[in-house]
PDB file of N, CA and C in Angstrom:
ATOM      1  N   MET A   1     -13.283 -32.915 -16.839  1.00  0.00           N
ATOM      2  CA  MET A   1     -13.138 -32.605 -15.495  1.00  0.00           C
ATOM      3  C   MET A   1     -14.372 -32.822 -14.697  1.00  0.00           C
ATOM      4  N   PHE A   2     -15.339 -31.976 -15.121  1.00  0.00           N
ATOM      5  CA  PHE A   2     -16.772 -32.251 -14.479  1.00  0.00           C
ATOM      6  C   PHE A   2     -17.603 -33.156 -15.527  1.00  0.00           C
ATOM      7  N   LYS A   3     -18.246 -34.115 -14.837  1.00  0.00           N
ATOM      8  CA  LYS A   3     -18.997 -34.956 -15.719  1.00  0.00           C
ATOM      9  C   LYS A   3     -20.332 -34.509 -16.194  1.00  0.00           C
ATOM     10  N   ASN A   4     -20.948 -33.647 -15.310  1.00  0.00           N
ATOM     11  CA  ASN A   4     -22.283 -33.234 -15.708  1.00  0.00           C
ATOM     12  C   ASN A   4     -22.233 -31.618 -15.658  1.00  0.00           C
ATOM     13  N   HIS A   5     -22.009 -31.219 -16.807  1.00  0.00           N
ATOM     14  CA  HIS A   5     -21.845 -29.720 -17.085  1.00  0.00           C
ATOM     15  C   HIS A   5     -23.336 -29.037 -17.002  1.00  0.00           C
ATOM     16  N   LYS A   6     -24.327 -29.761 -17.440  1.00  0.00           N
ATOM     17  CA  LYS A   6     -25.645 -29.195 -17.473  1.00  0.00           C
ATOM     18  C   LYS A   6     -26.226 -29.022 -16.083  1.00  0.00           C
ATOM     19  N   ALA A   7     -25.887 -29.908 -15.059  1.00  0.00           N
ATOM     20  CA  ALA A   7     -26.369 -29.872 -13.665  1.00  0.00           C
ATOM     21  C   ALA A   7     -25.721 -28.679 -13.001  1.00  0.00           C
ATOM     22  N   ILE A   8     -24.325 -28.493 -13.289  1.00  0.00           N
ATOM     23  CA  ILE A   8     -23.635 -27.386 -12.774  1.00  0.00           C
ATOM     24  C   ILE A   8     -24.089 -26.061 -13.200  1.00  0.00           C
ATOM     25  N   GLY A   9     -24.429 -25.939 -14.454  1.00  0.00           N
ATOM     26  CA  GLY A   9     -24.992 -24.765 -15.084  1.00  0.00           C
ATOM     27  C   GLY A   9     -26.422 -24.428 -14.527  1.00  0.00           C
ATOM     28  N   ALA A  10     -27.226 -25.417 -14.371  1.00  0.00           N
ATOM     29  CA  ALA A  10     -28.516 -25.080 -13.780  1.00  0.00           C
ATOM     30  C   ALA A  10     -28.432 -24.754 -12.356  1.00  0.00           C
ATOM     31  N   LEU A  11     -27.527 -25.169 -11.613  1.00  0.00           N
ATOM     32  CA  LEU A  11     -27.286 -24.815 -10.141  1.00  0.00           C
ATOM     33  C   LEU A  11     -26.852 -23.374 -10.197  1.00  0.00           C
ATOM     34  N   LEU A  12     -25.908 -23.117 -11.029  1.00  0.00           N
ATOM     35  CA  LEU A  12     -25.429 -21.661 -11.005  1.00  0.00           C
ATOM     36  C   LEU A  12     -26.505 -20.687 -11.502  1.00  0.00           C
ATOM     37  N   LEU A  13     -27.222 -21.035 -12.428  1.00  0.00           N
ATOM     38  CA  LEU A  13     -28.313 -20.128 -12.778  1.00  0.00           C
ATOM     39  C   LEU A  13     -29.403 -19.930 -11.753  1.00  0.00           C
ATOM     40  N   GLY A  14     -29.740 -21.167 -11.072  1.00  0.00           N
ATOM     41  CA  GLY A  14     -30.643 -20.926  -9.927  1.00  0.00           C
ATOM     42  C   GLY A  14     -30.116 -20.028  -8.745  1.00  0.00           C
ATOM     43  N   LEU A  15     -28.822 -20.117  -8.467  1.00  0.00           N
ATOM     44  CA  LEU A  15     -28.162 -19.281  -7.539  1.00  0.00           C
ATOM     45  C   LEU A  15     -28.190 -17.775  -7.986  1.00  0.00           C
ATOM     46  N   MET A  16     -28.084 -17.503  -9.281  1.00  0.00           N
ATOM     47  CA  MET A  16     -28.082 -16.170  -9.688  1.00  0.00           C
ATOM     48  C   MET A  16     -29.491 -15.592  -9.683  1.00  0.00           C
ATOM     49  N   LEU A  17     -30.518 -16.452  -9.962  1.00  0.00           N
ATOM     50  CA  LEU A  17     -31.879 -15.968  -9.958  1.00  0.00           C
ATOM     51  C   LEU A  17     -32.549 -15.896  -8.647  1.00  0.00           C
ATOM     52  N   MET A  18     -31.857 -16.433  -7.524  1.00  0.00           N
ATOM     53  CA  MET A  18     -32.482 -16.512  -6.232  1.00  0.00           C
ATOM     54  C   MET A  18     -32.914 -15.207  -5.694  1.00  0.00           C
ATOM     55  N   PRO A  19     -32.110 -14.148  -5.736  1.00  0.00           N
ATOM     56  CA  PRO A  19     -32.435 -12.723  -5.238  1.00  0.00           C
ATOM     57  C   PRO A  19     -33.779 -12.264  -5.997  1.00  0.00           C
ATOM     58  N   LEU A  20     -33.949 -12.642  -7.252  1.00  0.00           N
ATOM     59  CA  LEU A  20     -35.164 -12.197  -7.968  1.00  0.00           C
ATOM     60  C   LEU A  20     -36.521 -12.916  -7.307  1.00  0.00           C
ATOM     61  N   PHE A  21     -36.307 -14.171  -6.955  1.00  0.00           N
ATOM     62  CA  PHE A  21     -37.414 -14.805  -6.359  1.00  0.00           C
ATOM     63  C   PHE A  21     -37.740 -14.245  -4.907  1.00  0.00           C
ATOM     64  N   ALA A  22     -36.601 -13.862  -4.228  1.00  0.00           N
ATOM     65  CA  ALA A  22     -36.808 -13.246  -2.908  1.00  0.00           C
ATOM     66  C   ALA A  22     -37.514 -11.934  -2.820  1.00  0.00           C
ATOM     67  N   GLN A  23     -37.364 -11.261  -3.892  1.00  0.00           N
ATOM     68  CA  GLN A  23     -37.977  -9.852  -3.978  1.00  0.00           C
ATOM     69  C   GLN A  23     -39.457  -9.974  -3.996  1.00  0.00           C
ATOM     70  N   GLY A  24     -40.056 -11.052  -4.588  1.00  0.00           N
ATOM     71  CA  GLY A  24     -41.470 -11.208  -4.771  1.00  0.00           C
ATOM     72  C   GLY A  24     -42.126 -11.498  -3.463  1.00  0.00           C
ATOM     73  N   ALA A  25     -41.427 -11.845  -2.361  1.00  0.00           N
ATOM     74  CA  ALA A  25     -42.014 -12.276  -1.155  1.00  0.00           C
ATOM     75  C   ALA A  25     -42.644 -10.847  -0.461  1.00  0.00           C
ATOM     76  N   GLU A  26     -43.739 -11.048   0.234  1.00  0.00           N
ATOM     77  CA  GLU A  26     -44.441  -9.805   0.727  1.00  0.00           C
ATOM     78  C   GLU A  26     -43.721  -9.564   2.096  1.00  0.00           C
ATOM     79  N   ALA A  27     -43.688  -8.314   2.530  1.00  0.00           N
ATOM     80  CA  ALA A  27     -43.141  -7.794   3.797  1.00  0.00           C
ATOM     81  C   ALA A  27     -44.167  -8.017   4.851  1.00  0.00           C
ATOM     82  N   PRO A  28     -43.774  -8.290   6.123  1.00  0.00           N
ATOM     83  CA  PRO A  28     -44.683  -8.519   7.216  1.00  0.00           C
ATOM     84  C   PRO A  28     -45.518  -7.254   7.432  1.00  0.00           C
ATOM     85  N   LYS A  29     -46.758  -7.380   7.792  1.00  0.00           N
ATOM     86  CA  LYS A  29     -47.722  -6.283   7.910  1.00  0.00           C
ATOM     87  C   LYS A  29     -47.579  -5.464   9.166  1.00  0.00           C
ATOM     88  N   ASP A  30     -46.832  -6.055  10.134  1.00  0.00           N
ATOM     89  CA  ASP A  30     -46.591  -5.270  11.454  1.00  0.00           C
ATOM     90  C   ASP A  30     -45.280  -4.581  11.481  1.00  0.00           C
ATOM     91  N   LEU A  31     -44.708  -4.091  10.385  1.00  0.00           N
ATOM     92  CA  LEU A  31     -43.518  -3.252  10.448  1.00  0.00           C
ATOM     93  C   LEU A  31     -43.759  -1.965  10.937  1.00  0.00           C
ATOM     94  N   GLN A  32     -42.803  -1.406  11.706  1.00  0.00           N
ATOM     95  CA  GLN A  32     -42.857  -0.063  12.238  1.00  0.00           C
ATOM     96  C   GLN A  32     -41.671   0.731  11.892  1.00  0.00           C
ATOM     97  N   PRO A  33     -41.865   2.070  11.428  1.00  0.00           N
ATOM     98  CA  PRO A  33     -40.663   2.814  11.020  1.00  0.00           C
ATOM     99  C   PRO A  33     -39.809   3.097  12.163  1.00  0.00           C
ATOM    100  N   LEU A  34     -38.467   3.106  11.918  1.00  0.00           N
ATOM    101  CA  LEU A  34     -37.501   3.509  12.974  1.00  0.00           C
ATOM    102  C   LEU A  34     -37.516   4.969  13.282  1.00  0.00           C
ATOM    103  N   GLU A  35     -37.270   5.303  14.567  1.00  0.00           N
ATOM    104  CA  GLU A  35     -37.250   6.779  14.872  1.00  0.00           C
ATOM    105  C   GLU A  35     -36.014   7.420  14.281  1.00  0.00           C
ATOM    106  N   GLU A  36     -36.125   8.692  14.044  1.00  0.00           N
ATOM    107  CA  GLU A  36     -34.986   9.399  13.474  1.00  0.00           C
ATOM    108  C   GLU A  36     -33.922   9.572  14.487  1.00  0.00           C
ATOM    109  N   ILE A  37     -32.631   9.324  14.172  1.00  0.00           N
ATOM    110  CA  ILE A  37     -31.593   9.422  15.006  1.00  0.00           C
ATOM    111  C   ILE A  37     -30.890  10.863  14.696  1.00  0.00           C
ATOM    112  N   PRO A  38     -30.746  11.745  15.780  1.00  0.00           N
ATOM    113  CA  PRO A  38     -30.101  13.019  15.396  1.00  0.00           C
ATOM    114  C   PRO A  38     -28.560  12.832  15.105  1.00  0.00           C
ATOM    115  N   PRO A  39     -28.070  13.772  14.479  1.00  0.00           N
ATOM    116  CA  PRO A  39     -26.538  13.679  14.226  1.00  0.00           C
ATOM    117  C   PRO A  39     -25.757  13.916  15.465  1.00  0.00           C
ATOM    118  N   PRO A  40     -24.615  13.361  15.685  1.00  0.00           N
ATOM    119  CA  PRO A  40     -23.793  13.622  16.712  1.00  0.00           C
ATOM    120  C   PRO A  40     -23.489  15.196  17.034  1.00  0.00           C
ATOM    121  N   ALA A  41     -23.403  15.494  18.215  1.00  0.00           N
ATOM    122  CA  ALA A  41     -23.214  16.904  18.540  1.00  0.00           C
ATOM    123  C   ALA A  41     -21.820  17.306  18.374  1.00  0.00           C
ATOM    124  N   LEU A  42     -21.497  18.355  17.696  1.00  0.00           N
ATOM    125  CA  LEU A  42     -20.076  18.803  17.472  1.00  0.00           C
ATOM    126  C   LEU A  42     -19.615  19.773  18.606  1.00  0.00           C
ATOM    127  N   SER A  43     -18.526  19.330  19.165  1.00  0.00           N
ATOM    128  CA  SER A  43     -17.974  20.050  20.270  1.00  0.00           C
ATOM    129  C   SER A  43     -16.902  21.039  19.779  1.00  0.00           C
ATOM    130  N   THR A  44     -16.811  22.110  20.348  1.00  0.00           N
ATOM    131  CA  THR A  44     -15.774  23.121  19.999  1.00  0.00           C
ATOM    132  C   THR A  44     -14.543  22.830  20.800  1.00  0.00           C
ATOM    133  N   GLU A  45     -14.594  22.050  21.903  1.00  0.00           N
ATOM    134  CA  GLU A  45     -13.382  21.736  22.671  1.00  0.00           C
ATOM    135  C   GLU A  45     -12.684  20.536  22.073  1.00  0.00           C
ATOM    136  N   ALA A  46     -11.383  20.542  22.100  1.00  0.00           N
ATOM    137  CA  ALA A  46     -10.664  19.510  21.514  1.00  0.00           C
ATOM    138  C   ALA A  46     -10.717  18.298  22.466  1.00  0.00           C
ATOM    139  N   ASP A  47     -10.737  17.177  21.870  1.00  0.00           N
ATOM    140  CA  ASP A  47     -10.839  15.997  22.680  1.00  0.00           C
ATOM    141  C   ASP A  47      -9.393  15.614  23.322  1.00  0.00           C
ATOM    142  N   PRO A  48      -9.289  15.400  24.556  1.00  0.00           N
ATOM    143  CA  PRO A  48      -7.865  15.123  25.134  1.00  0.00           C
ATOM    144  C   PRO A  48      -7.266  13.890  24.627  1.00  0.00           C
ATOM    145  N   ASP A  49      -8.032  12.948  24.146  1.00  0.00           N
ATOM    146  CA  ASP A  49      -7.438  11.669  23.679  1.00  0.00           C
ATOM    147  C   ASP A  49      -7.027  11.828  22.104  1.00  0.00           C
ATOM    148  N   GLU A  50      -7.485  12.847  21.510  1.00  0.00           N
ATOM    149  CA  GLU A  50      -7.169  12.925  20.068  1.00  0.00           C
ATOM    150  C   GLU A  50      -5.912  13.899  19.913  1.00  0.00           C
ATOM    151  N   PRO A  51      -4.998  13.442  18.959  1.00  0.00           N
ATOM    152  CA  PRO A  51      -3.772  14.288  18.762  1.00  0.00           C
ATOM    153  C   PRO A  51      -4.104  15.545  18.068  1.00  0.00           C
ATOM    154  N   GLU A  52      -3.371  16.607  18.244  1.00  0.00           N
ATOM    155  CA  GLU A  52      -3.449  17.813  17.490  1.00  0.00           C
ATOM    156  C   GLU A  52      -2.640  17.716  16.232  1.00  0.00           C
ATOM    157  N   VAL A  53      -3.140  17.919  15.106  1.00  0.00           N
ATOM    158  CA  VAL A  53      -2.342  17.706  13.842  1.00  0.00           C
ATOM    159  C   VAL A  53      -2.189  19.063  13.130  1.00  0.00           C
ATOM    160  N   THR A  54      -0.860  19.403  12.905  1.00  0.00           N
ATOM    161  CA  THR A  54      -0.590  20.769  12.182  1.00  0.00           C
ATOM    162  C   THR A  54      -0.021  20.253  10.987  1.00  0.00           C
ATOM    163  N   ILE A  55      -0.365  20.755   9.775  1.00  0.00           N
ATOM    164  CA  ILE A  55      -0.010  20.561   8.476  1.00  0.00           C
ATOM    165  C   ILE A  55       0.881  21.729   7.989  1.00  0.00           C
ATOM    166  N   VAL A  56       2.033  21.577   7.687  1.00  0.00           N
ATOM    167  CA  VAL A  56       3.030  22.584   7.244  1.00  0.00           C
ATOM    168  C   VAL A  56       3.407  22.217   5.763  1.00  0.00           C
ATOM    169  N   LYS A  57       3.013  23.101   4.789  1.00  0.00           N
ATOM    170  CA  LYS A  57       3.493  22.893   3.447  1.00  0.00           C
ATOM    171  C   LYS A  57       4.670  23.876   3.089  1.00  0.00           C
ATOM    172  N   LYS A  58       5.785  23.337   2.691  1.00  0.00           N
ATOM    173  CA  LYS A  58       6.869  24.043   2.537  1.00  0.00           C
ATOM    174  C   LYS A  58       7.051  24.506   0.947  1.00  0.00           C
ATOM    175  N   SER A  59       7.842  25.460   0.685  1.00  0.00           N
ATOM    176  CA  SER A  59       7.923  25.950  -0.601  1.00  0.00           C
ATOM    177  C   SER A  59       8.426  24.991  -1.771  1.00  0.00           C
ATOM    178  N   ASN A  60       9.238  23.954  -1.262  1.00  0.00           N
ATOM    179  CA  ASN A  60       9.772  23.039  -2.252  1.00  0.00           C
ATOM    180  C   ASN A  60       8.655  21.891  -2.471  1.00  0.00           C
ATOM    181  N   GLY A  61       7.560  21.971  -1.972  1.00  0.00           N
ATOM    182  CA  GLY A  61       6.465  20.948  -2.293  1.00  0.00           C
ATOM    183  C   GLY A  61       6.327  19.871  -1.217  1.00  0.00           C
ATOM    184  N   GLU A  62       7.255  20.008  -0.321  1.00  0.00           N
ATOM    185  CA  GLU A  62       7.334  18.986   0.860  1.00  0.00           C
ATOM    186  C   GLU A  62       6.144  19.221   1.851  1.00  0.00           C
ATOM    187  N   THR A  63       5.529  18.181   2.425  1.00  0.00           N
ATOM    188  CA  THR A  63       4.370  18.442   3.430  1.00  0.00           C
ATOM    189  C   THR A  63       4.845  17.827   4.594  1.00  0.00           C
ATOM    190  N   VAL A  64       4.744  18.491   5.796  1.00  0.00           N
ATOM    191  CA  VAL A  64       5.076  17.953   7.082  1.00  0.00           C
ATOM    192  C   VAL A  64       3.849  18.037   7.993  1.00  0.00           C
ATOM    193  N   GLU A  65       3.399  16.785   8.455  1.00  0.00           N
ATOM    194  CA  GLU A  65       2.301  16.815   9.439  1.00  0.00           C
ATOM    195  C   GLU A  65       2.755  16.479  10.825  1.00  0.00           C
ATOM    196  N   GLU A  66       2.642  17.426  11.661  1.00  0.00           N
ATOM    197  CA  GLU A  66       3.104  17.305  13.070  1.00  0.00           C
ATOM    198  C   GLU A  66       1.979  16.928  13.951  1.00  0.00           C
ATOM    199  N   TYR A  67       2.331  15.757  14.687  1.00  0.00           N
ATOM    200  CA  TYR A  67       1.271  15.231  15.625  1.00  0.00           C
ATOM    201  C   TYR A  67       1.713  15.673  17.027  1.00  0.00           C
ATOM    202  N   ARG A  68       0.749  16.276  17.801  1.00  0.00           N
ATOM    203  CA  ARG A  68       1.176  16.623  19.241  1.00  0.00           C
ATOM    204  C   ARG A  68       0.015  16.006  20.136  1.00  0.00           C
ATOM    205  N   MET A  69       0.434  15.662  21.280  1.00  0.00           N
ATOM    206  CA  MET A  69      -0.402  15.122  22.366  1.00  0.00           C
ATOM    207  C   MET A  69      -0.107  15.989  23.449  1.00  0.00           C
ATOM    208  N   ASN A  70      -0.931  16.683  24.120  1.00  0.00           N
ATOM    209  CA  ASN A  70      -0.870  17.666  25.349  1.00  0.00           C
ATOM    210  C   ASN A  70       0.302  18.650  24.974  1.00  0.00           C
ATOM    211  N   GLY A  71       0.303  19.090  23.722  1.00  0.00           N
ATOM    212  CA  GLY A  71       1.253  20.108  23.334  1.00  0.00           C
ATOM    213  C   GLY A  71       2.596  19.716  23.055  1.00  0.00           C
ATOM    214  N   GLU A  72       2.882  18.324  23.220  1.00  0.00           N
ATOM    215  CA  GLU A  72       4.273  17.797  22.969  1.00  0.00           C
ATOM    216  C   GLU A  72       4.310  17.112  21.688  1.00  0.00           C
ATOM    217  N   LEU A  73       5.190  17.366  20.884  1.00  0.00           N
ATOM    218  CA  LEU A  73       5.435  16.792  19.535  1.00  0.00           C
ATOM    219  C   LEU A  73       6.015  15.435  19.660  1.00  0.00           C
ATOM    220  N   TYR A  74       5.242  14.438  19.190  1.00  0.00           N
ATOM    221  CA  TYR A  74       5.680  12.997  19.222  1.00  0.00           C
ATOM    222  C   TYR A  74       5.898  12.412  18.004  1.00  0.00           C
ATOM    223  N   MET A  75       5.358  12.858  16.854  1.00  0.00           N
ATOM    224  CA  MET A  75       5.420  12.289  15.596  1.00  0.00           C
ATOM    225  C   MET A  75       5.283  13.234  14.425  1.00  0.00           C
ATOM    226  N   MET A  76       6.027  12.895  13.353  1.00  0.00           N
ATOM    227  CA  MET A  76       5.950  13.747  12.184  1.00  0.00           C
ATOM    228  C   MET A  76       5.812  12.801  10.902  1.00  0.00           C
ATOM    229  N   LYS A  77       4.888  13.227  10.000  1.00  0.00           N
ATOM    230  CA  LYS A  77       4.775  12.458   8.812  1.00  0.00           C
ATOM    231  C   LYS A  77       5.380  13.513   7.678  1.00  0.00           C
ATOM    232  N   VAL A  78       6.416  13.037   7.062  1.00  0.00           N
ATOM    233  CA  VAL A  78       7.035  13.965   6.056  1.00  0.00           C
ATOM    234  C   VAL A  78       6.608  13.213   4.587  1.00  0.00           C
ATOM    235  N   THR A  79       6.043  14.153   3.792  1.00  0.00           N
ATOM    236  CA  THR A  79       5.784  13.657   2.389  1.00  0.00           C
ATOM    237  C   THR A  79       6.437  14.529   1.441  1.00  0.00           C
ATOM    238  N   PRO A  80       7.570  14.041   0.902  1.00  0.00           N
ATOM    239  CA  PRO A  80       8.292  14.791  -0.047  1.00  0.00           C
ATOM    240  C   PRO A  80       7.488  14.991  -1.365  1.00  0.00           C
ATOM    241  N   SER A  81       7.993  16.021  -2.145  1.00  0.00           N
ATOM    242  CA  SER A  81       7.224  16.514  -3.315  1.00  0.00           C
ATOM    243  C   SER A  81       7.196  15.274  -4.424  1.00  0.00           C
ATOM    244  N   ASN A  82       8.316  14.497  -4.341  1.00  0.00           N
ATOM    245  CA  ASN A  82       8.420  13.326  -5.306  1.00  0.00           C
ATOM    246  C   ASN A  82       9.017  12.165  -4.732  1.00  0.00           C
ATOM    247  N   GLY A  83       8.289  11.548  -3.818  1.00  0.00           N
ATOM    248  CA  GLY A  83       8.838  10.394  -3.083  1.00  0.00           C
ATOM    249  C   GLY A  83       7.817   9.717  -2.212  1.00  0.00           C
ATOM    250  N   VAL A  84       8.266   8.768  -1.404  1.00  0.00           N
ATOM    251  CA  VAL A  84       7.507   7.980  -0.634  1.00  0.00           C
ATOM    252  C   VAL A  84       7.411   8.767   0.797  1.00  0.00           C
ATOM    253  N   PRO A  85       6.157   8.824   1.408  1.00  0.00           N
ATOM    254  CA  PRO A  85       6.112   9.462   2.677  1.00  0.00           C
ATOM    255  C   PRO A  85       6.801   8.573   3.768  1.00  0.00           C
ATOM    256  N   TYR A  86       7.347   9.223   4.786  1.00  0.00           N
ATOM    257  CA  TYR A  86       8.003   8.473   5.882  1.00  0.00           C
ATOM    258  C   TYR A  86       7.459   9.114   7.306  1.00  0.00           C
ATOM    259  N   TYR A  87       7.811   8.423   8.309  1.00  0.00           N
ATOM    260  CA  TYR A  87       7.307   8.942   9.609  1.00  0.00           C
ATOM    261  C   TYR A  87       8.721   9.085  10.493  1.00  0.00           C
ATOM    262  N   LEU A  88       8.623  10.208  11.229  1.00  0.00           N
ATOM    263  CA  LEU A  88       9.608  10.201  12.305  1.00  0.00           C
ATOM    264  C   LEU A  88       8.906  10.285  13.645  1.00  0.00           C
ATOM    265  N   TYR A  89       9.303   9.490  14.472  1.00  0.00           N
ATOM    266  CA  TYR A  89       8.745   9.468  15.911  1.00  0.00           C
ATOM    267  C   TYR A  89       9.632   9.320  16.959  1.00  0.00           C
ATOM    268  N   LYS A  90       9.216   9.675  18.226  1.00  0.00           N
ATOM    269  CA  LYS A  90      10.161   9.480  19.409  1.00  0.00           C
ATOM    270  C   LYS A  90       9.770   8.169  20.108  1.00  0.00           C
ATOM    271  N   GLU A  91      10.862   7.392  20.424  1.00  0.00           N
ATOM    272  CA  GLU A  91      10.673   6.258  21.104  1.00  0.00           C
ATOM    273  C   GLU A  91      10.412   6.492  22.610  1.00  0.00           C
ATOM    274  N   ASP A  92      10.955   7.551  23.148  1.00  0.00           N
ATOM    275  CA  ASP A  92      10.603   8.083  24.494  1.00  0.00           C
ATOM    276  C   ASP A  92      10.843   9.496  24.523  1.00  0.00           C
ATOM    277  N   GLN A  93      10.503  10.109  25.637  1.00  0.00           N
ATOM    278  CA  GLN A  93      10.592  11.615  25.822  1.00  0.00           C
ATOM    279  C   GLN A  93      12.017  12.090  25.656  1.00  0.00           C
ATOM    280  N   GLU A  94      13.023  11.347  26.253  1.00  0.00           N
ATOM    281  CA  GLU A  94      14.368  11.818  26.113  1.00  0.00           C
ATOM    282  C   GLU A  94      15.145  11.386  24.901  1.00  0.00           C
ATOM    283  N   GLY A  95      14.416  10.450  24.086  1.00  0.00           N
ATOM    284  CA  GLY A  95      15.174   9.818  22.858  1.00  0.00           C
ATOM    285  C   GLY A  95      15.092  10.799  21.690  1.00  0.00           C
ATOM    286  N   GLY A  96      15.920  10.435  20.709  1.00  0.00           N
ATOM    287  CA  GLY A  96      15.850  11.177  19.429  1.00  0.00           C
ATOM    288  C   GLY A  96      14.822  10.583  18.542  1.00  0.00           C
ATOM    289  N   TRP A  97      14.878  11.139  17.363  1.00  0.00           N
ATOM    290  CA  TRP A  97      13.842  10.673  16.358  1.00  0.00           C
ATOM    291  C   TRP A  97      14.216   9.464  15.589  1.00  0.00           C
ATOM    292  N   THR A  98      13.213   8.604  15.508  1.00  0.00           N
ATOM    293  CA  THR A  98      13.346   7.314  14.719  1.00  0.00           C
ATOM    294  C   THR A  98      12.656   7.304  13.351  1.00  0.00           C
ATOM    295  N   ASN A  99      13.346   6.860  12.439  1.00  0.00           N
ATOM    296  CA  ASN A  99      12.750   7.007  11.160  1.00  0.00           C
ATOM    297  C   ASN A  99      12.085   5.597  10.741  1.00  0.00           C
ATOM    298  N   SER A 100      10.717   5.596  10.321  1.00  0.00           N
ATOM    299  CA  SER A 100      10.112   4.388   9.893  1.00  0.00           C
ATOM    300  C   SER A 100       9.621   4.691   8.501  1.00  0.00           C
ATOM    301  N   GLY A 101      10.413   4.737   7.420  1.00  0.00           N
ATOM    302  CA  GLY A 101      10.053   5.017   6.180  1.00  0.00           C
ATOM    303  C   GLY A 101      10.483   4.017   5.248  1.00  0.00           C
ATOM    304  N   PRO A 102      10.773   4.397   3.872  1.00  0.00           N
ATOM    305  CA  PRO A 102      11.202   3.401   2.904  1.00  0.00           C
ATOM    306  C   PRO A 102      12.623   2.869   3.333  1.00  0.00           C
ATOM    307  N   ASN A 103      13.394   3.503   4.019  1.00  0.00           N
ATOM    308  CA  ASN A 103      14.631   3.047   4.401  1.00  0.00           C
ATOM    309  C   ASN A 103      14.795   3.109   5.940  1.00  0.00           C
ATOM    310  N   PRO A 104      14.159   2.278   6.692  1.00  0.00           N
ATOM    311  CA  PRO A 104      14.275   2.387   8.167  1.00  0.00           C
ATOM    312  C   PRO A 104      15.691   2.076   8.665  1.00  0.00           C
ATOM    313  N   PRO A 105      15.951   2.550   9.828  1.00  0.00           N
ATOM    314  CA  PRO A 105      17.220   2.297  10.370  1.00  0.00           C
ATOM    315  C   PRO A 105      17.533   0.904  10.660  1.00  0.00           C
ATOM    316  N   LEU A 106      18.814   0.503  10.611  1.00  0.00           N
ATOM    317  CA  LEU A 106      19.228  -0.871  10.902  1.00  0.00           C
ATOM    318  C   LEU A 106      19.016  -1.128  12.331  1.00  0.00           C
ATOM    319  N   ALA A 107      18.231  -2.156  12.686  1.00  0.00           N
ATOM    320  CA  ALA A 107      18.106  -2.603  14.073  1.00  0.00           C
ATOM    321  C   ALA A 107      19.171  -3.500  14.567  1.00  0.00           C
ATOM    322  N   ILE A 108      19.958  -3.052  15.439  1.00  0.00           N
ATOM    323  CA  ILE A 108      21.122  -3.897  15.872  1.00  0.00           C
ATOM    324  C   ILE A 108      20.808  -4.509  17.261  1.00  0.00           C
ATOM    325  N   PRO A 109      20.826  -5.867  17.275  1.00  0.00           N
ATOM    326  CA  PRO A 109      20.484  -6.441  18.693  1.00  0.00           C
ATOM    327  C   PRO A 109      21.541  -6.138  19.735  1.00  0.00           C
ATOM    328  N   LYS A 110      21.128  -5.736  21.007  1.00  0.00           N
ATOM    329  CA  LYS A 110      21.953  -5.309  21.975  1.00  0.00           C
ATOM    330  C   LYS A 110      21.789  -6.247  23.238  1.00  0.00           C
ATOM    331  N   TRP A 111      22.347  -7.460  23.061  1.00  0.00           N
ATOM    332  CA  TRP A 111      22.239  -8.428  23.984  1.00  0.00           C
ATOM    333  C   TRP A 111      23.518  -8.598  24.787  1.00  0.00           C
ATOM    334  N   THR A 112      23.494  -8.751  26.149  1.00  0.00           N
ATOM    335  CA  THR A 112      24.619  -8.958  26.982  1.00  0.00           C
ATOM    336  C   THR A 112      25.046 -10.381  26.913  1.00  0.00           C
ATOM    337  N   ILE A 113      26.247 -10.597  26.411  1.00  0.00           N
ATOM    338  CA  ILE A 113      26.925 -11.924  26.166  1.00  0.00           C
ATOM    339  C   ILE A 113      27.658 -12.344  27.503  1.00  0.00           C
ATOM    340  N   PHE A 114      28.559 -11.431  27.817  1.00  0.00           N
ATOM    341  CA  PHE A 114      29.468 -11.724  28.972  1.00  0.00           C
ATOM    342  C   PHE A 114      29.317 -10.534  29.943  1.00  0.00           C
ATOM    343  N   ARG A 115      29.430 -10.826  31.268  1.00  0.00           N
ATOM    344  CA  ARG A 115      29.434  -9.737  32.203  1.00  0.00           C
ATOM    345  C   ARG A 115      30.582 -10.044  33.143  1.00  0.00           C
ATOM    346  N   PHE A 116      31.408  -9.238  33.487  1.00  0.00           N
ATOM    347  CA  PHE A 116      32.653  -9.429  34.298  1.00  0.00           C
ATOM    348  C   PHE A 116      32.434  -8.774  35.652  1.00  0.00           C
TER     349      PHE A 116
END
């Protein structure tokens, strides 16, 4: 397949040893240390763009995570004790809950074909 195995082996060996040669180079003499960056301030107020998450653990081992935005429940993640987690979410404020889990609901096209 390859005609010159020795040349390919030497090239691969050279590529593997290249970081060792790079470590021997001297660092520039005019390097300056960076200033210390303080950690971000922790605020006690909830961010209005972040959802509020409430975790409810039931006695049967099931865990339900409720996601709220501005106090309104819009999504739930249900993790059964022995199964695959699935999500329930609202498509709009007046709509019911939609399941997007291992067995999502069947999406039926609703096109208007004839109009009288």
